[in-house]
Amino acid sequence: MSEATTPDSHSEQASNLGGGNSQGWNWHPELPIEPLPIFNFPPTPVKFARWFANAWLSLSNRIITLLISVATWVYLQPALERCREFELGWIAQMWGRNLALMLVIAGGLHWYFCMRKKQAKRLKYDKREQAQNHKAFTFNDQVLDNMFWSLASGVTIWTAFEVLSMWAFANGYITMLTFSEHPVLFVLWILVIPMFNSAHFYVIHRLLHWPVLYKRFHALHHRNVNIGPWAGISMHPLEHIFYFSSVFVHWLVASHPVHIIYNLHFQALNAVYGHCGFENLLIGGKRRLGLGTFYHQMHHRFFECNYGTAEVPVDVWVKSFHDGSVESREMIRKQRQKLHTA
């Protein structure tokens, strides 16, 4: 692992940033940040209701992803009867569909934010541009590096998990859960998928920060200190296998193909949104669509914190949560020192 991809060198680079806001950020939300109010104890029903309305009852990124998933199942998914046998035709159809989706979503956000700079640096966490002529990246270019690993490895392994799942459905290895027979369970499963993925992500992400796995595999993703849309699923192939393996829960729990498509779309597209580097999409000067979270942005800068997501606050429970405050930063710094002197 080169010096450019070690946690210490990244942290040193980040700490030398200037910027108009505290701790060298170009912009950050009001600090300290809080996890989502799903697991608050004692419960905070008003906060929960407000979050639920924003997340599920408005045009949020998760609703957009759900609509894309339903449209994919209805219009772009090969009939299950075709999936009983592995054949190049239907597999290629699914791979091409997923490739096009990544090109449109990640490419579109990159074009909007990074090429045309439609929002300039408004609501952008890190003031820097994507790296060019940098030997840490494949092709010496951060964007080309991220595109290669996202498309060549990410889309292919994502599709492989989807292909296996549709084959299993077609052959009766997965119990079918239909909306007509179990509407409540059908909808409930959709609501649970983001939370399950959050817990799964914490587990596999924490494992990938084990030094042996980090140096060999996860360091590729952490080349991106200053993240952008194409960084979302720019990972080593082994990490892609870990990351998309959350879909196997549907082999154990009764599901519908829409649940599997949504699970994989949520994994892929939420990573794109979450790594775009901007908190929100501004249209007419107003915030229209929540995108990147400061929660994960801090993980790319400080490494030994915020391994999961705000959905299921495992980081809070195990005391690896960085809330953006100076006090929290000092706590993480001390934990890093203990880790590297152990």
Protein backbone atom coordinates (compact mmCIF):
# COMPACT_ATOMS: atom_id res chain seq x y z
CA MET A 1 0.00 0.00 0.00
CA SER A 2 1.50 3.28 -1.09
CA GLU A 3 1.83 6.22 1.23
CA ALA A 4 -0.97 7.95 -0.63
CA THR A 5 -3.45 5.32 0.49
CA THR A 6 -2.65 4.91 4.18
CA PRO A 7 -5.04 6.22 6.85
CA ASP A 8 -2.31 8.29 8.47
CA SER A 9 -1.22 10.03 5.26
CA HIS A 10 -4.84 10.74 4.31
CA SER A 11 -5.57 12.20 7.73
CA GLU A 12 -2.48 14.39 7.57
CA GLN A 13 -3.46 15.59 4.12
CA ALA A 14 -6.98 16.38 5.33
CA SER A 15 -5.81 18.18 8.46
CA ASN A 16 -3.78 20.62 6.33
CA LEU A 17 -6.85 21.79 4.44
CA GLY A 18 -7.82 25.38 4.69
CA GLY A 19 -11.40 26.44 4.19
CA GLY A 20 -14.13 28.77 5.21
CA ASN A 21 -15.57 26.53 7.91
CA SER A 22 -14.27 24.81 11.02
CA GLN A 23 -11.97 21.80 10.69
CA GLY A 24 -11.14 22.65 7.09
CA TRP A 25 -14.50 21.87 5.49
CA ASN A 26 -15.79 23.98 2.63
CA TRP A 27 -19.28 23.50 4.11
CA HIS A 28 -20.84 21.31 6.75
CA PRO A 29 -24.28 21.00 8.37
CA GLU A 30 -25.01 22.23 11.85
CA LEU A 31 -22.83 20.35 14.32
CA PRO A 32 -22.94 18.04 16.10
CA ILE A 33 -24.82 15.77 13.71
CA GLU A 34 -27.22 13.17 15.08
CA PRO A 35 -28.11 9.64 13.93
CA LEU A 36 -31.55 9.15 12.47
CA PRO A 37 -34.27 8.99 15.16
CA ILE A 38 -35.33 5.41 14.39
CA PHE A 39 -33.72 3.87 17.49
CA ASN A 40 -33.86 6.81 19.89
CA PHE A 41 -34.47 5.86 23.50
CA PRO A 42 -36.52 7.25 24.99
CA PRO A 43 -38.45 7.49 21.70
CA THR A 44 -38.79 10.87 19.99
CA PRO A 45 -42.04 10.47 18.04
CA VAL A 46 -42.08 13.98 16.56
CA LYS A 47 -38.55 13.64 15.19
CA PHE A 48 -39.34 10.15 13.92
CA ALA A 49 -42.51 11.31 12.17
CA ARG A 50 -40.65 14.19 10.53
CA TRP A 51 -37.85 11.89 9.37
CA PHE A 52 -40.30 9.24 8.10
CA ALA A 53 -42.26 11.82 6.12
CA ASN A 54 -39.09 13.16 4.50
CA ALA A 55 -37.71 9.69 3.79
CA TRP A 56 -40.79 7.80 2.62
CA LEU A 57 -43.61 10.27 1.92
CA SER A 58 -41.73 12.75 -0.27
CA LEU A 59 -39.51 12.54 -3.34
CA SER A 60 -36.42 11.31 -1.50
CA ASN A 61 -33.52 9.39 -2.99
CA ARG A 62 -34.90 6.14 -1.52
CA ILE A 63 -38.28 6.74 -3.17
CA ILE A 64 -36.58 7.49 -6.48
CA THR A 65 -34.61 4.26 -6.14
CA LEU A 66 -37.79 2.35 -5.30
CA LEU A 67 -39.57 3.76 -8.37
CA ILE A 68 -36.60 2.81 -10.55
CA SER A 69 -36.70 -0.71 -9.06
CA VAL A 70 -40.41 -1.16 -9.73
CA ALA A 71 -40.02 0.15 -13.28
CA THR A 72 -37.09 -2.21 -13.78
CA TRP A 73 -39.18 -5.20 -12.70
CA VAL A 74 -42.18 -4.23 -14.82
CA TYR A 75 -40.45 -3.11 -18.01
CA LEU A 76 -36.82 -4.24 -18.09
CA GLN A 77 -36.61 -7.56 -16.23
CA PRO A 78 -36.49 -10.80 -18.28
CA ALA A 79 -39.45 -13.09 -17.52
CA LEU A 80 -38.71 -15.46 -14.66
CA GLU A 81 -39.42 -18.44 -16.94
CA ARG A 82 -36.33 -17.49 -18.98
CA CYS A 83 -34.20 -17.47 -15.83
CA ARG A 84 -34.56 -21.18 -15.06
CA GLU A 85 -31.43 -21.87 -17.09
CA PHE A 86 -28.32 -19.71 -17.29
CA GLU A 87 -28.32 -18.22 -20.79
CA LEU A 88 -26.23 -15.40 -22.19
CA GLY A 89 -29.23 -13.49 -23.58
CA TRP A 90 -31.11 -12.68 -20.40
CA ILE A 91 -27.93 -12.29 -18.35
CA ALA A 92 -26.53 -9.79 -20.87
CA GLN A 93 -29.85 -7.93 -20.80
CA MET A 94 -29.59 -7.47 -17.02
CA TRP A 95 -25.92 -6.50 -17.15
CA GLY A 96 -26.54 -3.91 -19.87
CA ARG A 97 -29.51 -2.50 -17.97
CA ASN A 98 -27.45 -2.08 -14.78
CA LEU A 99 -24.55 -0.59 -16.73
CA ALA A 100 -26.86 1.97 -18.31
CA LEU A 101 -28.35 2.80 -14.90
CA MET A 102 -24.93 3.55 -13.42
CA LEU A 103 -23.93 5.63 -16.43
CA VAL A 104 -27.10 7.69 -16.14
CA ILE A 105 -27.15 8.16 -12.33
CA ALA A 106 -23.44 8.41 -11.45
CA GLY A 107 -22.56 9.98 -14.80
CA GLY A 108 -25.42 12.44 -14.55
CA LEU A 109 -24.49 13.58 -11.04
CA HIS A 110 -20.81 13.84 -12.04
CA TRP A 111 -21.76 15.91 -15.10
CA TYR A 112 -24.00 18.19 -13.03
CA PHE A 113 -21.75 18.75 -10.02
CA CYS A 114 -18.20 18.21 -11.30
CA MET A 115 -18.19 19.02 -15.02
CA ARG A 116 -20.80 21.74 -15.47
CA LYS A 117 -20.49 22.84 -11.84
CA LYS A 118 -24.14 23.81 -11.77
CA GLN A 119 -24.03 24.25 -8.01
CA ALA A 120 -20.46 25.55 -7.80
CA LYS A 121 -19.37 24.69 -4.24
CA ARG A 122 -22.69 25.36 -2.52
CA LEU A 123 -23.38 22.59 0.01
CA LYS A 124 -20.13 20.86 -1.05
CA TYR A 125 -18.27 19.37 1.92
CA ASP A 126 -14.73 19.33 0.50
CA LYS A 127 -13.50 22.32 -1.49
CA ARG A 128 -11.06 20.31 -3.65
CA GLU A 129 -11.67 19.02 -7.17
CA GLN A 130 -11.26 15.39 -8.26
CA ALA A 131 -7.58 14.39 -8.54
CA GLN A 132 -5.78 14.24 -11.87
CA ASN A 133 -2.22 13.14 -12.68
CA HIS A 134 -2.04 11.31 -9.34
CA LYS A 135 -0.15 8.03 -9.23
CA ALA A 136 -2.35 6.64 -6.44
CA PHE A 137 -5.15 6.10 -8.95
CA THR A 138 -5.56 3.65 -11.81
CA PHE A 139 -4.83 5.57 -15.05
CA ASN A 140 -3.44 8.34 -12.76
CA ASP A 141 -6.88 9.92 -12.73
CA GLN A 142 -9.44 9.72 -9.91
CA VAL A 143 -12.54 9.83 -12.10
CA LEU A 144 -11.26 7.26 -14.64
CA ASP A 145 -10.13 5.06 -11.74
CA ASN A 146 -13.56 5.25 -10.10
CA MET A 147 -15.41 4.65 -13.36
CA PHE A 148 -13.32 1.59 -14.18
CA TRP A 149 -13.81 -0.14 -10.83
CA SER A 150 -17.49 0.86 -10.61
CA LEU A 151 -18.40 -0.39 -14.08
CA ALA A 152 -16.01 -3.25 -14.78
CA SER A 153 -16.17 -4.83 -11.33
CA GLY A 154 -19.11 -3.19 -9.52
CA VAL A 155 -21.80 -3.55 -12.18
CA THR A 156 -20.63 -7.06 -13.07
CA ILE A 157 -20.70 -8.40 -9.50
CA TRP A 158 -23.96 -6.58 -8.74
CA THR A 159 -25.46 -8.24 -11.81
CA ALA A 160 -24.03 -11.64 -10.82
CA PHE A 161 -25.87 -11.49 -7.46
CA GLU A 162 -29.04 -10.44 -9.26
CA VAL A 163 -28.70 -13.24 -11.82
CA LEU A 164 -28.22 -15.86 -9.10
CA SER A 165 -31.26 -14.55 -7.23
CA MET A 166 -33.54 -14.55 -10.28
CA TRP A 167 -32.36 -18.07 -11.15
CA ALA A 168 -33.20 -19.13 -7.58
CA PHE A 169 -36.66 -17.55 -7.84
CA ALA A 170 -37.33 -19.21 -11.18
CA ASN A 171 -36.41 -22.61 -9.76
CA GLY A 172 -38.38 -22.24 -6.54
CA TYR A 173 -35.39 -21.97 -4.19
CA ILE A 174 -36.67 -18.64 -2.79
CA THR A 175 -40.12 -18.42 -1.22
CA MET A 176 -42.23 -15.93 -3.16
CA LEU A 177 -43.90 -13.13 -1.19
CA THR A 178 -46.59 -11.42 -3.27
CA PHE A 179 -48.32 -8.11 -2.66
CA SER A 180 -51.76 -9.58 -3.39
CA GLU A 181 -51.45 -12.23 -0.67
CA HIS A 182 -49.40 -10.36 1.95
CA PRO A 183 -49.59 -6.59 1.28
CA VAL A 184 -48.48 -5.55 4.78
CA LEU A 185 -45.44 -7.84 4.82
CA PHE A 186 -44.59 -6.83 1.26
CA VAL A 187 -44.48 -3.12 2.15
CA LEU A 188 -42.82 -3.75 5.53
CA TRP A 189 -39.97 -5.59 3.83
CA ILE A 190 -39.36 -2.55 1.62
CA LEU A 191 -39.15 -0.35 4.72
CA VAL A 192 -36.76 -2.76 6.45
CA ILE A 193 -34.33 -3.22 3.54
CA PRO A 194 -32.45 0.08 4.14
CA MET A 195 -32.09 -0.76 7.84
CA PHE A 196 -30.89 -4.28 7.15
CA ASN A 197 -28.39 -2.96 4.61
CA SER A 198 -27.16 -0.42 7.16
CA ALA A 199 -26.42 -3.14 9.73
CA HIS A 200 -24.89 -5.42 7.08
CA PHE A 201 -22.71 -2.55 5.82
CA TYR A 202 -21.35 -1.86 9.29
CA VAL A 203 -20.32 -5.51 9.74
CA ILE A 204 -18.60 -5.96 6.38
CA HIS A 205 -17.08 -2.46 6.47
CA ARG A 206 -15.62 -2.96 9.93
CA LEU A 207 -14.18 -6.27 8.76
CA LEU A 208 -12.61 -4.57 5.74
CA HIS A 209 -10.81 -2.17 8.08
CA TRP A 210 -8.98 -5.10 9.63
CA PRO A 211 -5.38 -4.25 8.54
CA VAL A 212 -4.85 -7.41 6.48
CA LEU A 213 -8.01 -6.83 4.44
CA TYR A 214 -7.62 -3.07 4.39
CA LYS A 215 -4.17 -3.11 2.79
CA ARG A 216 -5.04 -5.75 0.20
CA PHE A 217 -8.56 -4.69 -0.71
CA HIS A 218 -10.33 -1.77 1.00
CA ALA A 219 -7.49 0.71 0.44
CA LEU A 220 -8.60 0.92 -3.19
CA HIS A 221 -11.87 2.57 -2.14
CA HIS A 222 -10.12 4.81 0.39
CA ARG A 223 -7.96 6.38 -2.27
CA ASN A 224 -10.93 8.71 -2.40
CA VAL A 225 -10.57 11.21 0.43
CA ASN A 226 -12.31 13.86 -1.64
CA ILE A 227 -15.21 11.77 -2.86
CA GLY A 228 -17.43 12.15 -5.92
CA PRO A 229 -20.38 10.29 -7.50
CA TRP A 230 -18.21 7.69 -9.24
CA ALA A 231 -16.49 6.82 -5.93
CA GLY A 232 -19.64 5.19 -4.53
CA ILE A 233 -18.98 1.63 -5.68
CA SER A 234 -15.38 2.08 -6.76
CA MET A 235 -14.06 -0.95 -4.88
CA HIS A 236 -11.88 -4.01 -5.19
CA PRO A 237 -13.83 -7.02 -6.57
CA LEU A 238 -13.63 -8.82 -3.22
CA GLU A 239 -15.18 -5.81 -1.52
CA HIS A 240 -17.95 -5.81 -4.12
CA ILE A 241 -18.69 -9.43 -3.19
CA PHE A 242 -18.89 -8.49 0.50
CA TYR A 243 -20.92 -5.36 -0.21
CA PHE A 244 -23.63 -6.88 -2.42
CA SER A 245 -23.88 -10.08 -0.36
CA SER A 246 -26.67 -8.46 1.68
CA VAL A 247 -29.03 -9.72 -1.02
CA PHE A 248 -28.70 -13.28 0.31
CA VAL A 249 -31.10 -12.39 3.13
CA HIS A 250 -33.84 -12.78 0.53
CA TRP A 251 -32.84 -16.41 0.05
CA LEU A 252 -33.71 -16.97 3.70
CA VAL A 253 -36.73 -14.69 4.16
CA ALA A 254 -39.74 -14.81 1.84
CA SER A 255 -39.40 -12.04 -0.74
CA HIS A 256 -40.47 -10.83 -4.16
CA PRO A 257 -38.09 -10.11 -7.06
CA VAL A 258 -38.86 -6.41 -6.55
CA HIS A 259 -37.33 -6.67 -3.06
CA ILE A 260 -34.14 -8.10 -4.49
CA ILE A 261 -33.95 -5.50 -7.24
CA TYR A 262 -34.58 -2.74 -4.70
CA ASN A 263 -32.00 -4.15 -2.30
CA LEU A 264 -29.30 -4.17 -4.99
CA HIS A 265 -30.35 -0.82 -6.42
CA PHE A 266 -30.32 0.66 -2.93
CA GLN A 267 -26.80 -0.67 -2.36
CA ALA A 268 -25.49 0.63 -5.68
CA LEU A 269 -27.37 3.91 -6.09
CA ASN A 270 -27.37 4.94 -2.44
CA ALA A 271 -23.57 4.66 -2.56
CA VAL A 272 -23.56 7.00 -5.56
CA TYR A 273 -25.79 9.53 -3.82
CA GLY A 274 -23.88 9.19 -0.56
CA HIS A 275 -20.49 9.82 -2.17
CA CYS A 276 -21.43 12.72 -4.43
CA GLY A 277 -19.81 15.19 -2.02
CA PHE A 278 -22.82 17.52 -1.84
CA GLU A 279 -25.46 17.42 0.86
CA ASN A 280 -28.38 18.37 -1.36
CA LEU A 281 -29.42 19.13 -4.91
CA LEU A 282 -30.31 22.80 -5.25
CA ILE A 283 -32.93 23.84 -7.78
CA GLY A 284 -33.98 27.46 -7.84
CA GLY A 285 -31.83 28.02 -4.76
CA LYS A 286 -33.89 25.54 -2.73
CA ARG A 287 -32.91 22.09 -1.45
CA ARG A 288 -34.80 19.54 -3.52
CA LEU A 289 -33.11 16.17 -2.98
CA GLY A 290 -30.94 14.92 -0.12
CA LEU A 291 -27.74 13.32 -1.42
CA GLY A 292 -24.38 12.88 0.33
CA THR A 293 -24.31 12.55 4.10
CA PHE A 294 -21.76 14.24 6.31
CA TYR A 295 -21.83 11.05 8.39
CA HIS A 296 -20.00 9.07 5.70
CA GLN A 297 -18.01 12.04 4.42
CA MET A 298 -16.20 12.09 7.76
CA HIS A 299 -15.34 8.41 7.44
CA HIS A 300 -13.42 9.16 4.25
CA ARG A 301 -11.47 11.86 6.04
CA PHE A 302 -10.89 10.32 9.48
CA PHE A 303 -11.13 6.56 8.72
CA GLU A 304 -11.54 5.04 12.20
CA CYS A 305 -15.09 6.30 12.68
CA ASN A 306 -18.58 6.13 11.17
CA TYR A 307 -18.16 2.65 9.69
CA GLY A 308 -21.90 2.24 9.24
CA THR A 309 -24.66 4.65 8.32
CA ALA A 310 -27.05 6.81 10.30
CA GLU A 311 -29.93 4.41 9.61
CA VAL A 312 -28.86 1.87 12.24
CA PRO A 313 -26.47 3.72 14.58
CA VAL A 314 -24.10 0.86 15.43
CA ASP A 315 -21.28 3.42 15.58
CA VAL A 316 -23.06 5.19 18.44
CA TRP A 317 -23.54 1.91 20.29
CA VAL A 318 -19.88 0.83 19.96
CA LYS A 319 -18.45 4.36 20.39
CA SER A 320 -16.97 4.82 16.90
CA PHE A 321 -19.34 7.68 16.06
CA HIS A 322 -17.86 11.00 14.92
CA ASP A 323 -20.51 13.71 15.22
CA GLY A 324 -18.34 16.42 13.63
CA SER A 325 -17.51 18.21 16.86
CA VAL A 326 -13.99 19.05 18.01
CA GLU A 327 -14.51 16.82 21.05
CA SER A 328 -15.49 13.89 18.86
CA ARG A 329 -12.52 14.49 16.60
CA GLU A 330 -10.19 14.37 19.60
CA MET A 331 -11.77 11.11 20.76
CA ILE A 332 -11.24 9.52 17.33
CA ARG A 333 -7.65 10.82 17.24
CA LYS A 334 -6.89 9.10 20.55
CA GLN A 335 -8.51 5.89 19.35
CA ARG A 336 -6.36 6.01 16.21
CA GLN A 337 -3.22 6.44 18.29
CA LYS A 338 -4.12 3.41 20.41
CA LEU A 339 -4.86 1.39 17.28
CA HIS A 340 -1.53 2.14 15.66
CA THR A 341 0.53 1.66 18.84
CA ALA A 342 -1.14 -1.59 19.86
